[in-house]
Amino acid sequence: MSAAPDPAARFIALFSDPAHIPAVSKHFGFERIGLDPQAQSVEAWFAARPEFLNPNGSVQGGIVTGFLDEAMSAAAFMSTDLKAAVPTLEMKTSFLRPLTTARARALGQVARMGSSVAFLEGRLWNEDGVLCATATATAAIRPF
């Protein structure tokens, strides 16, 4: 009898099928570039599309927050062994610099996973590697 694939392999398989990628993730241009089950982290590119820009020419803050929320939620989902939804209960975003490049790289990580609540952290860089925003969040753990 073979062992079940690890959470990272199942996460990759699930998110390799376009039918399983949430519409908002597609809209944000989510492209997984790394994951680490031991560190409970997921790293992804997001598309800072022209329609996401505010009149100042930078990505609107709600979209930046959305990129971070997607990365943190993906890390939490992977950390539940893909067995629970992880809706965000609250989130705080700190905007350090405007995001003006075409792509952004986000890292979402579980800081602590309890039985019913997860504490999450996220960082977002522009494509030149400049840190533009950070976030923390609390998410509910809701088994399927």
Foldseek 3Di string as FASTA:
>chain_A
DDDDDALVVVLCVQVVDPVNDDPVCVVQVWDWDDDDLVQLKTKTKGFQDPVQADPVQFGDPVSVVVVFVVRQQSSVCSNVSVFWHWAWPDKDKDFDATARAGMKMKMKGFPDDDPFKTKIKMWIAHPVRHTGMIMITMITTGGD
